[in-house]
Each structure stands twice: as structure tokens, then as C-alpha cells.
Amino acid sequence: MEERKKADAMLKLVMQALDSKKADNVRVIDISEVSVLADYFIIAGGSNRTQIQALSDAVEEIMGKNGYFTKQVEGYQNANWILLDFGDVIVHIFDTENRLLYDLERIWRDGKPVDPETI
């Protein structure tokens, strides 16, 4: 249960960071019952490379200030899909084209959608 509280705290921080940089169409999926990868996937969109990198930077900054550091970052230079792996929480930041192409919401449909407004 303690791990879940940690994941929930991490989720709130990520959501604050994404909101601060005006992420588009943010979706949260609770995958804790369907995968051992993480407790949450967060999927967000940006309108261009600069915004996508700014979203990534904001997430890393707020998480780092709170003692959570990425285990892995992928895609930062191209910035069409940036993956930030914090262990319990994995953040995906997409441009519009790649979000439609990879459609993680469909792939992870067995997870439980979480309303970002309730976080």
C-alpha cells in the first residue's frame, strides 16, 4: 500500500507539471492490475517539438525537486514521442501524428482510465 501512495504522489506532481505547460488531451491509465511495468501510464500531447520538450523538462524538474528521478528517458532529441520512466509512473508525451499512430490508449484499454480532474 505504501508503494501505491508513492505512485499517487508522483502522479499528482506529473499532472501539475503537464498542466503548467498546457499539455493537450492528458489521459491517465491505471495499469497496476494488468502489468508489472508501472502503476500509471500518463499520455499527453504537445503541439510542436518545443512544447513537447518543455513538457518533458517541466515533468523532470518537478519530479527531481521532490526526489523522483527518471530511470530512463527516450526520444527527447526528436521530440515526437518522449518517454519518461519514473518506475511507478511512466509518462508519454506525443505529437499529434505519433499519438494517433501508436494509440497507447487502445493498447492499454485493459487498464482503468483515471479522470485527471480527480487527481
N, C-alpha and C. Protein backbone atom coordinates (compact mmCIF):
# COMPACT_ATOMS: atom_id res chain seq x y z
N MET A 1 0.81 -1.20 0.00
CA MET A 1 0.00 0.00 0.00
C MET A 1 0.86 1.27 0.00
N GLU A 2 2.01 1.18 0.66
CA GLU A 2 2.91 2.34 0.71
C GLU A 2 3.40 2.71 -0.70
N GLU A 3 3.67 1.69 -1.52
CA GLU A 3 4.08 1.94 -2.91
C GLU A 3 3.00 2.67 -3.68
N ARG A 4 1.75 2.32 -3.42
CA ARG A 4 0.64 2.96 -4.13
C ARG A 4 0.54 4.44 -3.76
N LYS A 5 0.76 4.76 -2.49
CA LYS A 5 0.74 6.17 -2.07
C LYS A 5 1.84 6.95 -2.78
N LYS A 6 3.00 6.32 -2.93
CA LYS A 6 4.12 6.94 -3.64
C LYS A 6 3.73 7.20 -5.09
N ALA A 7 3.14 6.21 -5.74
CA ALA A 7 2.73 6.36 -7.14
C ALA A 7 1.68 7.46 -7.27
N ASP A 8 0.75 7.54 -6.33
CA ASP A 8 -0.28 8.59 -6.37
C ASP A 8 0.34 9.97 -6.22
N ALA A 9 1.33 10.08 -5.32
CA ALA A 9 2.02 11.37 -5.13
C ALA A 9 2.78 11.76 -6.40
N MET A 10 3.42 10.78 -7.01
CA MET A 10 4.14 11.04 -8.25
C MET A 10 3.19 11.47 -9.35
N LEU A 11 2.05 10.82 -9.43
CA LEU A 11 1.04 11.15 -10.44
C LEU A 11 0.60 12.60 -10.30
N LYS A 12 0.34 13.04 -9.08
CA LYS A 12 -0.10 14.42 -8.86
C LYS A 12 0.96 15.42 -9.32
N LEU A 13 2.21 15.13 -9.05
CA LEU A 13 3.29 16.03 -9.47
C LEU A 13 3.38 16.11 -10.99
N VAL A 14 3.30 14.96 -11.65
CA VAL A 14 3.35 14.94 -13.11
C VAL A 14 2.19 15.75 -13.68
N MET A 15 1.02 15.58 -13.13
CA MET A 15 -0.15 16.30 -13.63
C MET A 15 0.03 17.82 -13.46
N GLN A 16 0.61 18.23 -12.34
CA GLN A 16 0.88 19.67 -12.12
C GLN A 16 1.82 20.20 -13.20
N ALA A 17 2.88 19.45 -13.47
CA ALA A 17 3.85 19.88 -14.46
C ALA A 17 3.23 19.97 -15.85
N LEU A 18 2.48 18.95 -16.23
CA LEU A 18 1.84 18.95 -17.54
C LEU A 18 0.85 20.10 -17.67
N ASP A 19 0.10 20.36 -16.61
CA ASP A 19 -0.86 21.47 -16.62
C ASP A 19 -0.14 22.82 -16.75
N SER A 20 1.00 22.94 -16.10
CA SER A 20 1.72 24.22 -16.12
C SER A 20 2.22 24.59 -17.51
N LYS A 21 2.40 23.60 -18.37
CA LYS A 21 2.87 23.84 -19.74
C LYS A 21 1.79 23.57 -20.78
N LYS A 22 0.55 23.48 -20.30
CA LYS A 22 -0.62 23.37 -21.20
C LYS A 22 -0.60 22.14 -22.10
N ALA A 23 -0.37 20.98 -21.51
CA ALA A 23 -0.42 19.74 -22.28
C ALA A 23 -1.81 19.52 -22.84
N ASP A 24 -1.87 18.90 -24.01
CA ASP A 24 -3.14 18.61 -24.66
C ASP A 24 -3.62 17.21 -24.32
N ASN A 25 -4.93 17.06 -24.16
CA ASN A 25 -5.57 15.74 -24.13
C ASN A 25 -4.86 14.74 -23.21
N VAL A 26 -4.70 15.11 -21.95
CA VAL A 26 -4.00 14.26 -21.00
C VAL A 26 -4.90 13.10 -20.58
N ARG A 27 -4.34 11.89 -20.66
CA ARG A 27 -5.04 10.69 -20.23
C ARG A 27 -4.19 9.97 -19.21
N VAL A 28 -4.85 9.43 -18.19
CA VAL A 28 -4.17 8.65 -17.16
C VAL A 28 -4.80 7.26 -17.17
N ILE A 29 -3.95 6.24 -17.21
CA ILE A 29 -4.42 4.87 -17.20
C ILE A 29 -3.76 4.15 -16.02
N ASP A 30 -4.58 3.58 -15.16
CA ASP A 30 -4.09 2.76 -14.05
C ASP A 30 -3.85 1.37 -14.62
N ILE A 31 -2.57 1.00 -14.71
CA ILE A 31 -2.23 -0.31 -15.28
C ILE A 31 -1.75 -1.30 -14.21
N SER A 32 -1.94 -0.94 -12.96
CA SER A 32 -1.40 -1.75 -11.85
C SER A 32 -1.94 -3.18 -11.82
N GLU A 33 -3.15 -3.38 -12.32
CA GLU A 33 -3.74 -4.72 -12.28
C GLU A 33 -3.51 -5.52 -13.56
N VAL A 34 -2.92 -4.88 -14.58
CA VAL A 34 -2.70 -5.59 -15.84
C VAL A 34 -1.23 -5.67 -16.23
N SER A 35 -0.35 -5.04 -15.47
CA SER A 35 1.06 -5.05 -15.81
C SER A 35 1.93 -4.81 -14.58
N VAL A 36 3.13 -5.34 -14.62
CA VAL A 36 4.10 -5.07 -13.57
C VAL A 36 5.02 -3.91 -13.94
N LEU A 37 4.83 -3.35 -15.13
CA LEU A 37 5.67 -2.24 -15.58
C LEU A 37 5.60 -1.03 -14.68
N ALA A 38 4.39 -0.67 -14.27
CA ALA A 38 4.17 0.56 -13.51
C ALA A 38 2.76 0.53 -12.93
N ASP A 39 2.45 1.54 -12.12
CA ASP A 39 1.08 1.70 -11.65
C ASP A 39 0.27 2.57 -12.61
N TYR A 40 0.93 3.59 -13.18
CA TYR A 40 0.21 4.51 -14.05
C TYR A 40 0.98 4.78 -15.33
N PHE A 41 0.24 4.89 -16.41
CA PHE A 41 0.71 5.47 -17.66
C PHE A 41 0.02 6.82 -17.77
N ILE A 42 0.78 7.83 -18.09
CA ILE A 42 0.22 9.14 -18.37
C ILE A 42 0.56 9.44 -19.82
N ILE A 43 -0.46 9.79 -20.58
CA ILE A 43 -0.29 10.07 -22.01
C ILE A 43 -0.74 11.51 -22.23
N ALA A 44 0.15 12.31 -22.82
CA ALA A 44 -0.16 13.73 -23.03
C ALA A 44 0.31 14.13 -24.42
N GLY A 45 -0.23 15.23 -24.90
CA GLY A 45 0.14 15.72 -26.22
C GLY A 45 0.71 17.11 -26.16
N GLY A 46 1.54 17.39 -27.16
CA GLY A 46 2.07 18.73 -27.36
C GLY A 46 1.90 19.10 -28.81
N SER A 47 1.85 20.39 -29.09
CA SER A 47 1.55 20.82 -30.45
C SER A 47 2.79 20.92 -31.35
N ASN A 48 3.97 20.99 -30.74
CA ASN A 48 5.19 21.07 -31.54
C ASN A 48 6.38 20.61 -30.71
N ARG A 49 7.52 20.48 -31.36
CA ARG A 49 8.73 19.96 -30.71
C ARG A 49 9.09 20.78 -29.46
N THR A 50 9.02 22.08 -29.57
CA THR A 50 9.39 22.95 -28.44
C THR A 50 8.49 22.71 -27.24
N GLN A 51 7.18 22.62 -27.47
CA GLN A 51 6.26 22.39 -26.36
C GLN A 51 6.46 20.99 -25.77
N ILE A 52 6.68 20.01 -26.62
CA ILE A 52 6.87 18.63 -26.14
C ILE A 52 8.11 18.56 -25.25
N GLN A 53 9.19 19.21 -25.66
CA GLN A 53 10.40 19.22 -24.83
C GLN A 53 10.16 20.03 -23.54
N ALA A 54 9.41 21.11 -23.63
CA ALA A 54 9.10 21.90 -22.43
C ALA A 54 8.27 21.10 -21.44
N LEU A 55 7.33 20.31 -21.95
CA LEU A 55 6.53 19.44 -21.08
C LEU A 55 7.43 18.42 -20.38
N SER A 56 8.33 17.82 -21.14
CA SER A 56 9.27 16.85 -20.57
C SER A 56 10.15 17.50 -19.51
N ASP A 57 10.69 18.67 -19.83
CA ASP A 57 11.55 19.39 -18.88
C ASP A 57 10.80 19.73 -17.60
N ALA A 58 9.55 20.17 -17.73
CA ALA A 58 8.76 20.54 -16.56
C ALA A 58 8.50 19.32 -15.67
N VAL A 59 8.20 18.19 -16.30
CA VAL A 59 7.96 16.96 -15.52
C VAL A 59 9.23 16.56 -14.80
N GLU A 60 10.36 16.53 -15.51
CA GLU A 60 11.62 16.14 -14.85
C GLU A 60 12.00 17.09 -13.73
N GLU A 61 11.75 18.37 -13.93
CA GLU A 61 12.11 19.36 -12.91
C GLU A 61 11.29 19.18 -11.63
N ILE A 62 9.98 19.11 -11.75
CA ILE A 62 9.15 18.98 -10.55
C ILE A 62 9.39 17.64 -9.85
N MET A 63 9.58 16.60 -10.64
CA MET A 63 9.83 15.29 -10.04
C MET A 63 11.18 15.29 -9.32
N GLY A 64 12.21 15.84 -9.95
CA GLY A 64 13.53 15.90 -9.34
C GLY A 64 13.54 16.69 -8.04
N LYS A 65 12.81 17.81 -8.04
CA LYS A 65 12.72 18.62 -6.82
C LYS A 65 12.06 17.86 -5.67
N ASN A 66 11.30 16.86 -6.01
CA ASN A 66 10.60 16.06 -5.00
C ASN A 66 11.24 14.70 -4.78
N GLY A 67 12.44 14.52 -5.32
CA GLY A 67 13.20 13.31 -5.05
C GLY A 67 12.91 12.13 -5.95
N TYR A 68 12.22 12.36 -7.06
CA TYR A 68 11.93 11.29 -8.01
C TYR A 68 12.71 11.56 -9.30
N PHE A 69 13.48 10.58 -9.71
CA PHE A 69 14.33 10.78 -10.87
C PHE A 69 14.03 9.72 -11.93
N THR A 70 14.24 10.11 -13.19
CA THR A 70 13.94 9.18 -14.28
C THR A 70 14.91 8.01 -14.26
N LYS A 71 14.35 6.85 -14.52
CA LYS A 71 15.18 5.66 -14.72
C LYS A 71 15.64 5.63 -16.16
N GLN A 72 14.83 6.22 -17.03
CA GLN A 72 15.15 6.24 -18.45
C GLN A 72 14.36 7.34 -19.14
N VAL A 73 14.99 7.97 -20.11
CA VAL A 73 14.34 8.96 -20.98
C VAL A 73 14.63 8.55 -22.41
N GLU A 74 13.60 8.52 -23.21
CA GLU A 74 13.75 8.17 -24.63
C GLU A 74 13.08 9.24 -25.49
N GLY A 75 13.69 9.55 -26.61
CA GLY A 75 13.05 10.39 -27.62
C GLY A 75 13.14 11.89 -27.44
N TYR A 76 13.95 12.36 -26.51
CA TYR A 76 13.97 13.80 -26.22
C TYR A 76 14.43 14.62 -27.44
N GLN A 77 15.46 14.17 -28.14
CA GLN A 77 16.00 14.95 -29.25
C GLN A 77 15.00 15.12 -30.39
N ASN A 78 14.35 14.03 -30.78
CA ASN A 78 13.37 14.12 -31.87
C ASN A 78 12.08 14.76 -31.41
N ALA A 79 11.70 14.49 -30.18
CA ALA A 79 10.53 15.09 -29.54
C ALA A 79 9.22 14.85 -30.28
N ASN A 80 9.10 13.68 -30.93
CA ASN A 80 7.78 13.33 -31.46
C ASN A 80 7.09 12.34 -30.51
N TRP A 81 7.88 11.68 -29.67
CA TRP A 81 7.36 10.84 -28.58
C TRP A 81 8.46 10.78 -27.53
N ILE A 82 8.23 11.42 -26.43
CA ILE A 82 9.19 11.35 -25.32
C ILE A 82 8.60 10.44 -24.26
N LEU A 83 9.42 9.49 -23.82
CA LEU A 83 9.03 8.59 -22.75
C LEU A 83 9.89 8.91 -21.53
N LEU A 84 9.23 9.14 -20.39
CA LEU A 84 9.91 9.38 -19.12
C LEU A 84 9.49 8.27 -18.17
N ASP A 85 10.45 7.45 -17.77
CA ASP A 85 10.17 6.31 -16.90
C ASP A 85 10.61 6.64 -15.48
N PHE A 86 9.64 6.80 -14.59
CA PHE A 86 9.91 7.05 -13.18
C PHE A 86 9.66 5.81 -12.34
N GLY A 87 9.56 4.66 -12.97
CA GLY A 87 9.31 3.42 -12.24
C GLY A 87 7.82 3.18 -12.07
N ASP A 88 7.23 3.74 -11.02
CA ASP A 88 5.81 3.55 -10.75
C ASP A 88 4.92 4.33 -11.71
N VAL A 89 5.49 5.34 -12.32
CA VAL A 89 4.75 6.20 -13.25
C VAL A 89 5.57 6.35 -14.52
N ILE A 90 4.92 6.09 -15.65
CA ILE A 90 5.57 6.26 -16.95
C ILE A 90 4.80 7.32 -17.72
N VAL A 91 5.54 8.31 -18.20
CA VAL A 91 4.93 9.45 -18.89
C VAL A 91 5.28 9.37 -20.38
N HIS A 92 4.26 9.48 -21.21
CA HIS A 92 4.43 9.51 -22.67
C HIS A 92 3.94 10.87 -23.15
N ILE A 93 4.79 11.60 -23.85
CA ILE A 93 4.40 12.90 -24.41
C ILE A 93 4.57 12.81 -25.92
N PHE A 94 3.48 12.98 -26.63
CA PHE A 94 3.43 12.76 -28.08
C PHE A 94 3.12 14.03 -28.85
N ASP A 95 3.56 14.04 -30.12
CA ASP A 95 2.97 14.96 -31.07
C ASP A 95 1.69 14.30 -31.59
N THR A 96 0.87 15.04 -32.27
CA THR A 96 -0.44 14.54 -32.69
C THR A 96 -0.33 13.31 -33.59
N GLU A 97 0.54 13.37 -34.57
CA GLU A 97 0.66 12.28 -35.54
C GLU A 97 1.08 10.96 -34.87
N ASN A 98 2.08 11.01 -34.02
CA ASN A 98 2.57 9.78 -33.39
C ASN A 98 1.60 9.26 -32.33
N ARG A 99 0.89 10.15 -31.68
CA ARG A 99 -0.10 9.68 -30.71
C ARG A 99 -1.18 8.86 -31.41
N LEU A 100 -1.62 9.34 -32.56
CA LEU A 100 -2.61 8.59 -33.33
C LEU A 100 -2.03 7.28 -33.85
N LEU A 101 -0.79 7.32 -34.30
CA LEU A 101 -0.14 6.14 -34.86
C LEU A 101 0.02 5.02 -33.82
N TYR A 102 0.53 5.37 -32.65
CA TYR A 102 0.82 4.34 -31.64
C TYR A 102 -0.38 3.99 -30.77
N ASP A 103 -1.31 4.92 -30.61
CA ASP A 103 -2.59 4.68 -29.94
C ASP A 103 -2.47 3.85 -28.65
N LEU A 104 -1.67 4.36 -27.72
CA LEU A 104 -1.46 3.64 -26.46
C LEU A 104 -2.74 3.45 -25.67
N GLU A 105 -3.67 4.39 -25.80
CA GLU A 105 -4.94 4.24 -25.10
C GLU A 105 -5.65 2.95 -25.51
N ARG A 106 -5.57 2.59 -26.78
CA ARG A 106 -6.18 1.36 -27.25
C ARG A 106 -5.39 0.14 -26.77
N ILE A 107 -4.08 0.23 -26.89
CA ILE A 107 -3.23 -0.90 -26.49
C ILE A 107 -3.41 -1.23 -25.01
N TRP A 108 -3.57 -0.20 -24.18
CA TRP A 108 -3.70 -0.39 -22.73
C TRP A 108 -5.14 -0.27 -22.26
N ARG A 109 -6.08 -0.60 -23.12
CA ARG A 109 -7.50 -0.46 -22.77
C ARG A 109 -7.93 -1.35 -21.61
N ASP A 110 -7.14 -2.39 -21.29
CA ASP A 110 -7.47 -3.24 -20.14
C ASP A 110 -7.18 -2.55 -18.81
N GLY A 111 -6.42 -1.46 -18.87
CA GLY A 111 -6.19 -0.66 -17.67
C GLY A 111 -7.42 0.16 -17.35
N LYS A 112 -7.42 0.77 -16.17
CA LYS A 112 -8.56 1.59 -15.76
C LYS A 112 -8.29 3.06 -16.05
N PRO A 113 -9.16 3.70 -16.82
CA PRO A 113 -8.99 5.15 -17.02
C PRO A 113 -9.17 5.88 -15.70
N VAL A 114 -8.34 6.88 -15.48
CA VAL A 114 -8.43 7.72 -14.29
C VAL A 114 -8.76 9.12 -14.75
N ASP A 115 -9.78 9.71 -14.16
CA ASP A 115 -10.17 11.07 -14.53
C ASP A 115 -9.13 12.05 -13.98
N PRO A 116 -8.41 12.77 -14.86
CA PRO A 116 -7.40 13.70 -14.37
C PRO A 116 -7.95 14.77 -13.43
N GLU A 117 -9.22 15.07 -13.56
CA GLU A 117 -9.84 16.08 -12.68
C GLU A 117 -9.93 15.61 -11.23
N THR A 118 -9.85 14.31 -11.00
CA THR A 118 -9.98 13.79 -9.63
C THR A 118 -8.64 13.59 -8.94
N ILE A 119 -7.57 13.92 -9.64
CA ILE A 119 -6.23 13.70 -9.08
C ILE A 119 -5.82 14.87 -8.22
